[in-house]
């Protein structure tokens, strides 16, 4: 159930057309989850600043069941950061990524929890 949510001050027209599909493929590959389980949400046009300026920036959250943790997060951090920088042209020092391991019983899909 990976959910990647990106809140950014980039205008909607600066989000590449294929970004959602490319992000799905990257998350699926990195976390070993089927693409059919991956959800990507981009919230453009946010009124936000980072470090006192309104240059392109973002707040990013990745929620997932069971595959994230200290070791995986250290490996995922540079991959996800480079992906965001390359695909959205937001410098790595202009966003935070928060990664959360969601308990199976706290996630509902198709009318029931995952555990």
PDB file of N, CA and C in Angstrom:
ATOM      1  N   UNK A   1       0.792  -1.202   0.000  1.00  0.00           N
ATOM      2  CA  UNK A   1       0.000   0.000   0.000  1.00  0.00           C
ATOM      3  C   UNK A   1       0.836   1.269   0.000  1.00  0.00           C
ATOM      4  N   UNK A   2       1.915   1.313  -0.689  1.00  0.00           N
ATOM      5  CA  UNK A   2       2.700   2.544  -0.660  1.00  0.00           C
ATOM      6  C   UNK A   2       1.886   3.741  -1.155  1.00  0.00           C
ATOM      7  N   UNK A   3       1.978   4.821  -0.411  1.00  0.00           N
ATOM      8  CA  UNK A   3       1.351   6.088  -0.799  1.00  0.00           C
ATOM      9  C   UNK A   3       2.426   7.154  -0.764  1.00  0.00           C
ATOM     10  N   UNK A   4       2.714   7.725  -1.923  1.00  0.00           N
ATOM     11  CA  UNK A   4       3.669   8.824  -2.032  1.00  0.00           C
ATOM     12  C   UNK A   4       2.866  10.094  -2.259  1.00  0.00           C
ATOM     13  N   UNK A   5       2.973  11.031  -1.325  1.00  0.00           N
ATOM     14  CA  UNK A   5       2.251  12.302  -1.430  1.00  0.00           C
ATOM     15  C   UNK A   5       3.254  13.438  -1.493  1.00  0.00           C
ATOM     16  N   UNK A   6       3.123  14.270  -2.522  1.00  0.00           N
ATOM     17  CA  UNK A   6       4.043  15.390  -2.736  1.00  0.00           C
ATOM     18  C   UNK A   6       3.227  16.679  -2.758  1.00  0.00           C
ATOM     19  N   UNK A   7       3.477  17.520  -1.769  1.00  0.00           N
ATOM     20  CA  UNK A   7       2.877  18.840  -1.731  1.00  0.00           C
ATOM     21  C   UNK A   7       3.953  19.813  -2.181  1.00  0.00           C
ATOM     22  N   UNK A   8       3.642  20.615  -3.189  1.00  0.00           N
ATOM     23  CA  UNK A   8       4.659  21.494  -3.765  1.00  0.00           C
ATOM     24  C   UNK A   8       4.063  22.823  -4.208  1.00  0.00           C
ATOM     25  N   UNK A   9       4.919  23.836  -4.244  1.00  0.00           N
ATOM     26  CA  UNK A   9       4.490  25.127  -4.763  1.00  0.00           C
ATOM     27  C   UNK A   9       4.663  25.218  -6.285  1.00  0.00           C
ATOM     28  N   UNK A  10       5.115  24.149  -6.906  1.00  0.00           N
ATOM     29  CA  UNK A  10       5.184  24.149  -8.371  1.00  0.00           C
ATOM     30  C   UNK A  10       3.772  24.275  -8.945  1.00  0.00           C
ATOM     31  N   UNK A  11       3.627  25.029 -10.031  1.00  0.00           N
ATOM     32  CA  UNK A  11       2.323  25.072 -10.699  1.00  0.00           C
ATOM     33  C   UNK A  11       2.012  23.725 -11.358  1.00  0.00           C
ATOM     34  N   UNK A  12       0.749  23.437 -11.485  1.00  0.00           N
ATOM     35  CA  UNK A  12       0.320  22.160 -12.063  1.00  0.00           C
ATOM     36  C   UNK A  12       0.943  21.920 -13.429  1.00  0.00           C
ATOM     37  N   UNK A  13       1.084  22.971 -14.238  1.00  0.00           N
ATOM     38  CA  UNK A  13       1.618  22.788 -15.591  1.00  0.00           C
ATOM     39  C   UNK A  13       3.111  22.454 -15.609  1.00  0.00           C
ATOM     40  N   UNK A  14       3.777  22.497 -14.447  1.00  0.00           N
ATOM     41  CA  UNK A  14       5.187  22.106 -14.371  1.00  0.00           C
ATOM     42  C   UNK A  14       5.370  20.673 -13.865  1.00  0.00           C
ATOM     43  N   UNK A  15       4.267  19.974 -13.639  1.00  0.00           N
ATOM     44  CA  UNK A  15       4.341  18.560 -13.273  1.00  0.00           C
ATOM     45  C   UNK A  15       4.347  17.775 -14.583  1.00  0.00           C
ATOM     46  N   UNK A  16       5.418  17.060 -14.885  1.00  0.00           N
ATOM     47  CA  UNK A  16       5.499  16.337 -16.160  1.00  0.00           C
ATOM     48  C   UNK A  16       4.334  15.362 -16.340  1.00  0.00           C
ATOM     49  N   UNK A  17       3.889  15.242 -17.564  1.00  0.00           N
ATOM     50  CA  UNK A  17       2.739  14.407 -17.898  1.00  0.00           C
ATOM     51  C   UNK A  17       2.914  12.969 -17.431  1.00  0.00           C
ATOM     52  N   UNK A  18       4.114  12.430 -17.546  1.00  0.00           N
ATOM     53  CA  UNK A  18       4.359  11.025 -17.192  1.00  0.00           C
ATOM     54  C   UNK A  18       4.820  10.836 -15.743  1.00  0.00           C
ATOM     55  N   UNK A  19       4.802  11.913 -14.954  1.00  0.00           N
ATOM     56  CA  UNK A  19       5.347  11.818 -13.603  1.00  0.00           C
ATOM     57  C   UNK A  19       4.658  10.750 -12.759  1.00  0.00           C
ATOM     58  N   UNK A  20       3.353  10.687 -12.771  1.00  0.00           N
ATOM     59  CA  UNK A  20       2.628   9.722 -11.933  1.00  0.00           C
ATOM     60  C   UNK A  20       3.006   8.286 -12.276  1.00  0.00           C
ATOM     61  N   UNK A  21       3.107   7.990 -13.568  1.00  0.00           N
ATOM     62  CA  UNK A  21       3.479   6.637 -13.981  1.00  0.00           C
ATOM     63  C   UNK A  21       4.925   6.319 -13.631  1.00  0.00           C
ATOM     64  N   UNK A  22       5.818   7.278 -13.855  1.00  0.00           N
ATOM     65  CA  UNK A  22       7.230   7.062 -13.521  1.00  0.00           C
ATOM     66  C   UNK A  22       7.426   6.909 -12.015  1.00  0.00           C
ATOM     67  N   UNK A  23       6.701   7.701 -11.221  1.00  0.00           N
ATOM     68  CA  UNK A  23       6.791   7.596  -9.767  1.00  0.00           C
ATOM     69  C   UNK A  23       6.245   6.248  -9.295  1.00  0.00           C
ATOM     70  N   UNK A  24       5.163   5.798  -9.897  1.00  0.00           N
ATOM     71  CA  UNK A  24       4.600   4.488  -9.556  1.00  0.00           C
ATOM     72  C   UNK A  24       5.619   3.394  -9.816  1.00  0.00           C
ATOM     73  N   UNK A  25       6.244   3.423 -10.982  1.00  0.00           N
ATOM     74  CA  UNK A  25       7.246   2.412 -11.328  1.00  0.00           C
ATOM     75  C   UNK A  25       8.434   2.443 -10.373  1.00  0.00           C
ATOM     76  N   UNK A  26       8.900   3.635 -10.023  1.00  0.00           N
ATOM     77  CA  UNK A  26      10.051   3.767  -9.140  1.00  0.00           C
ATOM     78  C   UNK A  26       9.717   3.237  -7.747  1.00  0.00           C
ATOM     79  N   UNK A  27       8.594   3.627  -7.185  1.00  0.00           N
ATOM     80  CA  UNK A  27       8.197   3.173  -5.842  1.00  0.00           C
ATOM     81  C   UNK A  27       7.969   1.667  -5.840  1.00  0.00           C
ATOM     82  N   UNK A  28       7.297   1.166  -6.847  1.00  0.00           N
ATOM     83  CA  UNK A  28       7.044  -0.271  -6.960  1.00  0.00           C
ATOM     84  C   UNK A  28       8.358  -1.043  -6.977  1.00  0.00           C
ATOM     85  N   UNK A  29       9.288  -0.589  -7.776  1.00  0.00           N
ATOM     86  CA  UNK A  29      10.583  -1.247  -7.902  1.00  0.00           C
ATOM     87  C   UNK A  29      11.388  -1.176  -6.602  1.00  0.00           C
ATOM     88  N   UNK A  30      11.477   0.000  -6.015  1.00  0.00           N
ATOM     89  CA  UNK A  30      12.299   0.198  -4.818  1.00  0.00           C
ATOM     90  C   UNK A  30      11.745  -0.535  -3.595  1.00  0.00           C
ATOM     91  N   UNK A  31      10.412  -0.637  -3.503  1.00  0.00           N
ATOM     92  CA  UNK A  31       9.813  -1.262  -2.320  1.00  0.00           C
ATOM     93  C   UNK A  31       9.389  -2.709  -2.553  1.00  0.00           C
ATOM     94  N   UNK A  32       9.489  -3.173  -3.798  1.00  0.00           N
ATOM     95  CA  UNK A  32       9.112  -4.544  -4.092  1.00  0.00           C
ATOM     96  C   UNK A  32       7.624  -4.799  -3.944  1.00  0.00           C
ATOM     97  N   UNK A  33       6.834  -3.788  -4.236  1.00  0.00           N
ATOM     98  CA  UNK A  33       5.378  -3.900  -4.157  1.00  0.00           C
ATOM     99  C   UNK A  33       4.806  -3.842  -5.572  1.00  0.00           C
ATOM    100  N   UNK A  34       3.706  -4.554  -5.829  1.00  0.00           N
ATOM    101  CA  UNK A  34       3.088  -4.464  -7.158  1.00  0.00           C
ATOM    102  C   UNK A  34       2.654  -3.031  -7.462  1.00  0.00           C
ATOM    103  N   UNK A  35       2.822  -2.612  -8.700  1.00  0.00           N
ATOM    104  CA  UNK A  35       2.405  -1.269  -9.105  1.00  0.00           C
ATOM    105  C   UNK A  35       0.921  -1.050  -8.815  1.00  0.00           C
ATOM    106  N   UNK A  36       0.129  -2.108  -8.862  1.00  0.00           N
ATOM    107  CA  UNK A  36      -1.311  -1.981  -8.617  1.00  0.00           C
ATOM    108  C   UNK A  36      -1.615  -1.564  -7.176  1.00  0.00           C
ATOM    109  N   UNK A  37      -0.652  -1.671  -6.265  1.00  0.00           N
ATOM    110  CA  UNK A  37      -0.835  -1.254  -4.873  1.00  0.00           C
ATOM    111  C   UNK A  37      -0.355   0.174  -4.607  1.00  0.00           C
ATOM    112  N   UNK A  38       0.367   0.764  -5.548  1.00  0.00           N
ATOM    113  CA  UNK A  38       1.016   2.057  -5.328  1.00  0.00           C
ATOM    114  C   UNK A  38       0.061   3.205  -5.657  1.00  0.00           C
ATOM    115  N   UNK A  39       0.002   4.165  -4.735  1.00  0.00           N
ATOM    116  CA  UNK A  39      -0.802   5.373  -4.937  1.00  0.00           C
ATOM    117  C   UNK A  39       0.133   6.581  -4.907  1.00  0.00           C
ATOM    118  N   UNK A  40      -0.014   7.451  -5.891  1.00  0.00           N
ATOM    119  CA  UNK A  40       0.798   8.663  -5.984  1.00  0.00           C
ATOM    120  C   UNK A  40      -0.147   9.855  -5.986  1.00  0.00           C
ATOM    121  N   UNK A  41       0.140  10.832  -5.143  1.00  0.00           N
ATOM    122  CA  UNK A  41      -0.676  12.041  -5.100  1.00  0.00           C
ATOM    123  C   UNK A  41       0.244  13.245  -5.166  1.00  0.00           C
ATOM    124  N   UNK A  42      -0.008  14.125  -6.133  1.00  0.00           N
ATOM    125  CA  UNK A  42       0.754  15.364  -6.246  1.00  0.00           C
ATOM    126  C   UNK A  42      -0.221  16.512  -6.024  1.00  0.00           C
ATOM    127  N   UNK A  43       0.127  17.362  -5.079  1.00  0.00           N
ATOM    128  CA  UNK A  43      -0.690  18.537  -4.752  1.00  0.00           C
ATOM    129  C   UNK A  43       0.102  19.773  -5.168  1.00  0.00           C
ATOM    130  N   UNK A  44      -0.089  20.235  -6.421  1.00  0.00           N
ATOM    131  CA  UNK A  44       0.658  21.400  -6.899  1.00  0.00           C
ATOM    132  C   UNK A  44      -0.007  22.701  -6.437  1.00  0.00           C
ATOM    133  N   UNK A  45       0.621  23.805  -6.772  1.00  0.00           N
ATOM    134  CA  UNK A  45       0.060  25.143  -6.529  1.00  0.00           C
ATOM    135  C   UNK A  45      -0.164  25.444  -5.048  1.00  0.00           C
ATOM    136  N   UNK A  46       0.625  24.825  -4.173  1.00  0.00           N
ATOM    137  CA  UNK A  46       0.489  25.083  -2.742  1.00  0.00           C
ATOM    138  C   UNK A  46       1.169  26.405  -2.395  1.00  0.00           C
ATOM    139  N   UNK A  47       0.581  27.139  -1.488  1.00  0.00           N
ATOM    140  CA  UNK A  47       1.201  28.355  -0.983  1.00  0.00           C
ATOM    141  C   UNK A  47       2.160  27.909   0.114  1.00  0.00           C
ATOM    142  N   UNK A  48       3.454  27.934  -0.196  1.00  0.00           N
ATOM    143  CA  UNK A  48       4.422  27.427   0.758  1.00  0.00           C
ATOM    144  C   UNK A  48       5.799  28.036   0.538  1.00  0.00           C
ATOM    145  N   UNK A  49       6.601  27.970   1.590  1.00  0.00           N
ATOM    146  CA  UNK A  49       7.991  28.406   1.504  1.00  0.00           C
ATOM    147  C   UNK A  49       8.850  27.367   2.190  1.00  0.00           C
ATOM    148  N   UNK A  50      10.133  27.425   1.917  1.00  0.00           N
ATOM    149  CA  UNK A  50      11.110  26.539   2.549  1.00  0.00           C
ATOM    150  C   UNK A  50      12.347  27.379   2.788  1.00  0.00           C
ATOM    151  N   UNK A  51      12.813  27.422   3.999  1.00  0.00           N
ATOM    152  CA  UNK A  51      14.010  28.211   4.304  1.00  0.00           C
ATOM    153  C   UNK A  51      13.832  29.691   4.082  1.00  0.00           C
ATOM    154  N   UNK A  52      12.615  30.164   4.162  1.00  0.00           N
ATOM    155  CA  UNK A  52      12.348  31.594   4.036  1.00  0.00           C
ATOM    156  C   UNK A  52      12.206  32.109   2.625  1.00  0.00           C
ATOM    157  N   UNK A  53      12.206  31.212   1.614  1.00  0.00           N
ATOM    158  CA  UNK A  53      12.004  31.647   0.240  1.00  0.00           C
ATOM    159  C   UNK A  53      10.892  30.817  -0.404  1.00  0.00           C
ATOM    160  N   UNK A  54      10.354  31.341  -1.472  1.00  0.00           N
ATOM    161  CA  UNK A  54       9.297  30.631  -2.200  1.00  0.00           C
ATOM    162  C   UNK A  54       9.803  29.998  -3.492  1.00  0.00           C
ATOM    163  N   UNK A  55      11.124  29.804  -3.574  1.00  0.00           N
ATOM    164  CA  UNK A  55      11.662  29.038  -4.704  1.00  0.00           C
ATOM    165  C   UNK A  55      11.015  27.657  -4.680  1.00  0.00           C
ATOM    166  N   UNK A  56      11.045  26.914  -5.801  1.00  0.00           N
ATOM    167  CA  UNK A  56      10.410  25.588  -5.807  1.00  0.00           C
ATOM    168  C   UNK A  56      10.818  24.740  -4.601  1.00  0.00           C
ATOM    169  N   UNK A  57       9.799  24.184  -3.938  1.00  0.00           N
ATOM    170  CA  UNK A  57      10.025  23.381  -2.744  1.00  0.00           C
ATOM    171  C   UNK A  57       8.898  22.356  -2.609  1.00  0.00           C
ATOM    172  N   UNK A  58       9.053  21.465  -1.643  1.00  0.00           N
ATOM    173  CA  UNK A  58       8.038  20.430  -1.444  1.00  0.00           C
ATOM    174  C   UNK A  58       8.121  19.859  -0.036  1.00  0.00           C
ATOM    175  N   UNK A  59       7.014  19.289   0.390  1.00  0.00           N
ATOM    176  CA  UNK A  59       6.946  18.417   1.558  1.00  0.00           C
ATOM    177  C   UNK A  59       6.450  17.083   1.027  1.00  0.00           C
ATOM    178  N   UNK A  60       7.185  16.022   1.330  1.00  0.00           N
ATOM    179  CA  UNK A  60       6.896  14.714   0.736  1.00  0.00           C
ATOM    180  C   UNK A  60       6.711  13.695   1.852  1.00  0.00           C
ATOM    181  N   UNK A  61       5.692  12.856   1.688  1.00  0.00           N
ATOM    182  CA  UNK A  61       5.420  11.791   2.651  1.00  0.00           C
ATOM    183  C   UNK A  61       5.306  10.473   1.901  1.00  0.00           C
ATOM    184  N   UNK A  62       5.953   9.454   2.433  1.00  0.00           N
ATOM    185  CA  UNK A  62       5.821   8.098   1.914  1.00  0.00           C
ATOM    186  C   UNK A  62       5.316   7.225   3.044  1.00  0.00           C
ATOM    187  N   UNK A  63       4.131   6.664   2.872  1.00  0.00           N
ATOM    188  CA  UNK A  63       3.554   5.717   3.824  1.00  0.00           C
ATOM    189  C   UNK A  63       3.597   4.336   3.196  1.00  0.00           C
ATOM    190  N   UNK A  64       3.928   3.332   3.998  1.00  0.00           N
ATOM    191  CA  UNK A  64       3.986   1.973   3.475  1.00  0.00           C
ATOM    192  C   UNK A  64       3.846   0.976   4.608  1.00  0.00           C
ATOM    193  N   UNK A  65       3.365  -0.206   4.280  1.00  0.00           N
ATOM    194  CA  UNK A  65       3.254  -1.282   5.257  1.00  0.00           C
ATOM    195  C   UNK A  65       4.505  -2.154   5.171  1.00  0.00           C
ATOM    196  N   UNK A  66       5.236  -2.216   6.275  1.00  0.00           N
ATOM    197  CA  UNK A  66       6.227  -3.253   6.475  1.00  0.00           C
ATOM    198  C   UNK A  66       7.560  -3.240   5.768  1.00  0.00           C
ATOM    199  N   UNK A  67       7.779  -2.473   4.730  1.00  0.00           N
ATOM    200  CA  UNK A  67       9.067  -2.584   4.037  1.00  0.00           C
ATOM    201  C   UNK A  67      10.004  -1.421   4.324  1.00  0.00           C
ATOM    202  N   UNK A  68       9.519  -0.427   5.045  1.00  0.00           N
ATOM    203  CA  UNK A  68      10.385   0.696   5.368  1.00  0.00           C
ATOM    204  C   UNK A  68      10.920   0.528   6.782  1.00  0.00           C
ATOM    205  N   UNK A  69      11.974   1.216   7.074  1.00  0.00           N
ATOM    206  CA  UNK A  69      12.644   1.148   8.366  1.00  0.00           C
ATOM    207  C   UNK A  69      14.020   1.734   8.208  1.00  0.00           C
ATOM    208  N   UNK A  70      14.807   1.804   9.261  1.00  0.00           N
ATOM    209  CA  UNK A  70      16.099   2.497   9.194  1.00  0.00           C
ATOM    210  C   UNK A  70      16.993   2.067   8.026  1.00  0.00           C
ATOM    211  N   UNK A  71      17.203   0.773   7.845  1.00  0.00           N
ATOM    212  CA  UNK A  71      18.086   0.307   6.760  1.00  0.00           C
ATOM    213  C   UNK A  71      17.510   0.641   5.384  1.00  0.00           C
ATOM    214  N   UNK A  72      16.250   0.319   5.174  1.00  0.00           N
ATOM    215  CA  UNK A  72      15.607   0.575   3.877  1.00  0.00           C
ATOM    216  C   UNK A  72      15.531   2.072   3.610  1.00  0.00           C
ATOM    217  N   UNK A  73      15.222   2.857   4.638  1.00  0.00           N
ATOM    218  CA  UNK A  73      15.114   4.301   4.460  1.00  0.00           C
ATOM    219  C   UNK A  73      16.439   4.910   4.017  1.00  0.00           C
ATOM    220  N   UNK A  74      17.562   4.410   4.585  1.00  0.00           N
ATOM    221  CA  UNK A  74      18.882   4.930   4.175  1.00  0.00           C
ATOM    222  C   UNK A  74      19.163   4.633   2.705  1.00  0.00           C
ATOM    223  N   UNK A  75      18.729   3.484   2.223  1.00  0.00           N
ATOM    224  CA  UNK A  75      18.924   3.128   0.810  1.00  0.00           C
ATOM    225  C   UNK A  75      17.956   3.876  -0.100  1.00  0.00           C
ATOM    226  N   UNK A  76      16.750   4.071   0.390  1.00  0.00           N
ATOM    227  CA  UNK A  76      15.713   4.732  -0.404  1.00  0.00           C
ATOM    228  C   UNK A  76      15.933   6.247  -0.506  1.00  0.00           C
ATOM    229  N   UNK A  77      16.497   6.846   0.534  1.00  0.00           N
ATOM    230  CA  UNK A  77      16.651   8.307   0.594  1.00  0.00           C
ATOM    231  C   UNK A  77      17.331   8.908  -0.641  1.00  0.00           C
ATOM    232  N   UNK A  78      18.505   8.421  -1.063  1.00  0.00           N
ATOM    233  CA  UNK A  78      19.126   9.044  -2.236  1.00  0.00           C
ATOM    234  C   UNK A  78      18.369   8.764  -3.532  1.00  0.00           C
ATOM    235  N   UNK A  79      17.771   7.599  -3.640  1.00  0.00           N
ATOM    236  CA  UNK A  79      17.023   7.250  -4.865  1.00  0.00           C
ATOM    237  C   UNK A  79      15.811   8.153  -5.022  1.00  0.00           C
ATOM    238  N   UNK A  80      15.020   8.265  -3.959  1.00  0.00           N
ATOM    239  CA  UNK A  80      13.816   9.089  -4.012  1.00  0.00           C
ATOM    240  C   UNK A  80      14.167  10.563  -4.167  1.00  0.00           C
ATOM    241  N   UNK A  81      15.196  11.013  -3.465  1.00  0.00           N
ATOM    242  CA  UNK A  81      15.612  12.419  -3.556  1.00  0.00           C
ATOM    243  C   UNK A  81      16.063  12.782  -4.974  1.00  0.00           C
ATOM    244  N   UNK A  82      16.891  11.926  -5.570  1.00  0.00           N
ATOM    245  CA  UNK A  82      17.348  12.179  -6.943  1.00  0.00           C
ATOM    246  C   UNK A  82      16.178  12.156  -7.925  1.00  0.00           C
ATOM    247  N   UNK A  83      15.249  11.225  -7.719  1.00  0.00           N
ATOM    248  CA  UNK A  83      14.081  11.134  -8.595  1.00  0.00           C
ATOM    249  C   UNK A  83      13.290  12.447  -8.560  1.00  0.00           C
ATOM    250  N   UNK A  84      13.014  12.955  -7.367  1.00  0.00           N
ATOM    251  CA  UNK A  84      12.255  14.208  -7.232  1.00  0.00           C
ATOM    252  C   UNK A  84      13.018  15.356  -7.883  1.00  0.00           C
ATOM    253  N   UNK A  85      14.316  15.428  -7.626  1.00  0.00           N
ATOM    254  CA  UNK A  85      15.116  16.516  -8.199  1.00  0.00           C
ATOM    255  C   UNK A  85      15.133  16.446  -9.727  1.00  0.00           C
ATOM    256  N   UNK A  86      15.326  15.258 -10.276  1.00  0.00           N
ATOM    257  CA  UNK A  86      15.403  15.113 -11.730  1.00  0.00           C
ATOM    258  C   UNK A  86      14.055  15.323 -12.413  1.00  0.00           C
ATOM    259  N   UNK A  87      13.005  14.769 -11.854  1.00  0.00           N
ATOM    260  CA  UNK A  87      11.696  14.802 -12.522  1.00  0.00           C
ATOM    261  C   UNK A  87      10.930  16.095 -12.288  1.00  0.00           C
ATOM    262  N   UNK A  88      11.106  16.711 -11.112  1.00  0.00           N
ATOM    263  CA  UNK A  88      10.346  17.927 -10.798  1.00  0.00           C
ATOM    264  C   UNK A  88      11.214  19.184 -10.745  1.00  0.00           C
ATOM    265  N   UNK A  89      12.525  19.019 -10.872  1.00  0.00           N
ATOM    266  CA  UNK A  89      13.460  20.154 -10.843  1.00  0.00           C
ATOM    267  C   UNK A  89      13.364  20.932  -9.523  1.00  0.00           C
ATOM    268  N   UNK A  90      13.154  20.190  -8.433  1.00  0.00           N
ATOM    269  CA  UNK A  90      13.202  20.783  -7.095  1.00  0.00           C
ATOM    270  C   UNK A  90      14.510  20.301  -6.465  1.00  0.00           C
ATOM    271  N   UNK A  91      15.357  21.235  -6.073  1.00  0.00           N
ATOM    272  CA  UNK A  91      16.644  20.876  -5.483  1.00  0.00           C
ATOM    273  C   UNK A  91      16.434  20.054  -4.218  1.00  0.00           C
ATOM    274  N   UNK A  92      17.327  19.103  -3.985  1.00  0.00           N
ATOM    275  CA  UNK A  92      17.204  18.211  -2.831  1.00  0.00           C
ATOM    276  C   UNK A  92      17.215  18.960  -1.495  1.00  0.00           C
ATOM    277  N   UNK A  93      17.878  20.099  -1.458  1.00  0.00           N
ATOM    278  CA  UNK A  93      17.889  20.863  -0.209  1.00  0.00           C
ATOM    279  C   UNK A  93      16.628  21.703  -0.019  1.00  0.00           C
ATOM    280  N   UNK A  94      15.654  21.529  -0.931  1.00  0.00           N
ATOM    281  CA  UNK A  94      14.401  22.296  -0.872  1.00  0.00           C
ATOM    282  C   UNK A  94      13.193  21.422  -0.536  1.00  0.00           C
ATOM    283  N   UNK A  95      13.410  20.230  -0.013  1.00  0.00           N
ATOM    284  CA  UNK A  95      12.284  19.405   0.432  1.00  0.00           C
ATOM    285  C   UNK A  95      12.711  18.460   1.542  1.00  0.00           C
ATOM    286  N   UNK A  96      11.710  18.078   2.321  1.00  0.00           N
ATOM    287  CA  UNK A  96      11.850  17.019   3.311  1.00  0.00           C
ATOM    288  C   UNK A  96      11.049  15.826   2.824  1.00  0.00           C
ATOM    289  N   UNK A  97      11.512  14.639   3.155  1.00  0.00           N
ATOM    290  CA  UNK A  97      10.756  13.414   2.901  1.00  0.00           C
ATOM    291  C   UNK A  97      10.555  12.730   4.253  1.00  0.00           C
ATOM    292  N   UNK A  98       9.315  12.501   4.614  1.00  0.00           N
ATOM    293  CA  UNK A  98       8.988  11.771   5.835  1.00  0.00           C
ATOM    294  C   UNK A  98       8.467  10.400   5.439  1.00  0.00           C
ATOM    295  N   UNK A  99       9.081   9.364   6.007  1.00  0.00           N
ATOM    296  CA  UNK A  99       8.723   7.987   5.666  1.00  0.00           C
ATOM    297  C   UNK A  99       8.112   7.327   6.901  1.00  0.00           C
ATOM    298  N   UNK A 100       6.922   6.744   6.708  1.00  0.00           N
ATOM    299  CA  UNK A 100       6.201   6.130   7.813  1.00  0.00           C
ATOM    300  C   UNK A 100       5.854   4.689   7.497  1.00  0.00           C
ATOM    301  N   UNK A 101       6.103   3.816   8.463  1.00  0.00           N
ATOM    302  CA  UNK A 101       5.681   2.422   8.393  1.00  0.00           C
ATOM    303  C   UNK A 101       4.287   2.354   9.018  1.00  0.00           C
ATOM    304  N   UNK A 102       3.302   1.967   8.244  1.00  0.00           N
ATOM    305  CA  UNK A 102       1.917   1.919   8.704  1.00  0.00           C
ATOM    306  C   UNK A 102       1.606   0.506   9.209  1.00  0.00           C
ATOM    307  N   UNK A 103       1.090   0.379  10.425  1.00  0.00           N
ATOM    308  CA  UNK A 103       0.690  -0.952  10.902  1.00  0.00           C
ATOM    309  C   UNK A 103      -0.379  -1.552   9.990  1.00  0.00           C
ATOM    310  N   UNK A 104      -0.273  -2.842   9.702  1.00  0.00           N
ATOM    311  CA  UNK A 104      -1.202  -3.518   8.798  1.00  0.00           C
ATOM    312  C   UNK A 104      -2.658  -3.319   9.200  1.00  0.00           C
ATOM    313  N   UNK A 105      -2.908  -3.338  10.493  1.00  0.00           N
ATOM    314  CA  UNK A 105      -4.287  -3.197  10.979  1.00  0.00           C
ATOM    315  C   UNK A 105      -4.796  -1.755  10.883  1.00  0.00           C
ATOM    316  N   UNK A 106      -3.922  -0.822  10.551  1.00  0.00           N
ATOM    317  CA  UNK A 106      -4.318   0.591  10.442  1.00  0.00           C
ATOM    318  C   UNK A 106      -4.599   1.025   9.012  1.00  0.00           C
ATOM    319  N   UNK A 107      -4.494   0.106   8.075  1.00  0.00           N
ATOM    320  CA  UNK A 107      -4.720   0.446   6.674  1.00  0.00           C
ATOM    321  C   UNK A 107      -5.888  -0.372   6.126  1.00  0.00           C
ATOM    322  N   UNK A 108      -6.878   0.327   5.597  1.00  0.00           N
ATOM    323  CA  UNK A 108      -8.067  -0.316   5.042  1.00  0.00           C
ATOM    324  C   UNK A 108      -8.030  -0.225   3.524  1.00  0.00           C
ATOM    325  N   UNK A 109      -8.308  -1.312   2.877  1.00  0.00           N
ATOM    326  CA  UNK A 109      -8.425  -1.368   1.411  1.00  0.00           C
ATOM    327  C   UNK A 109      -9.492  -2.405   1.066  1.00  0.00           C
ATOM    328  N   UNK A 110     -10.349  -2.067   0.169  1.00  0.00           N
ATOM    329  CA  UNK A 110     -11.363  -2.993  -0.327  1.00  0.00           C
ATOM    330  C   UNK A 110     -12.222  -3.564   0.806  1.00  0.00           C
ATOM    331  N   UNK A 111     -12.529  -2.711   1.783  1.00  0.00           N
ATOM    332  CA  UNK A 111     -13.441  -3.085   2.844  1.00  0.00           C
ATOM    333  C   UNK A 111     -12.862  -3.808   4.038  1.00  0.00           C
ATOM    334  N   UNK A 112     -11.539  -4.020   4.063  1.00  0.00           N
ATOM    335  CA  UNK A 112     -10.949  -4.659   5.245  1.00  0.00           C
ATOM    336  C   UNK A 112      -9.514  -4.176   5.439  1.00  0.00           C
ATOM    337  N   UNK A 113      -8.969  -4.468   6.606  1.00  0.00           N
ATOM    338  CA  UNK A 113      -7.599  -4.082   6.887  1.00  0.00           C
ATOM    339  C   UNK A 113      -6.644  -5.109   6.291  1.00  0.00           C
ATOM    340  N   UNK A 114      -5.381  -4.764   6.271  1.00  0.00           N
ATOM    341  CA  UNK A 114      -4.360  -5.688   5.758  1.00  0.00           C
ATOM    342  C   UNK A 114      -3.898  -6.683   6.821  1.00  0.00           C
ATOM    343  N   UNK A 115      -4.383  -6.544   8.038  1.00  0.00           N
ATOM    344  CA  UNK A 115      -3.946  -7.478   9.072  1.00  0.00           C
ATOM    345  C   UNK A 115      -4.749  -7.373  10.334  1.00  0.00           C
TER     346      UNK A 115
END
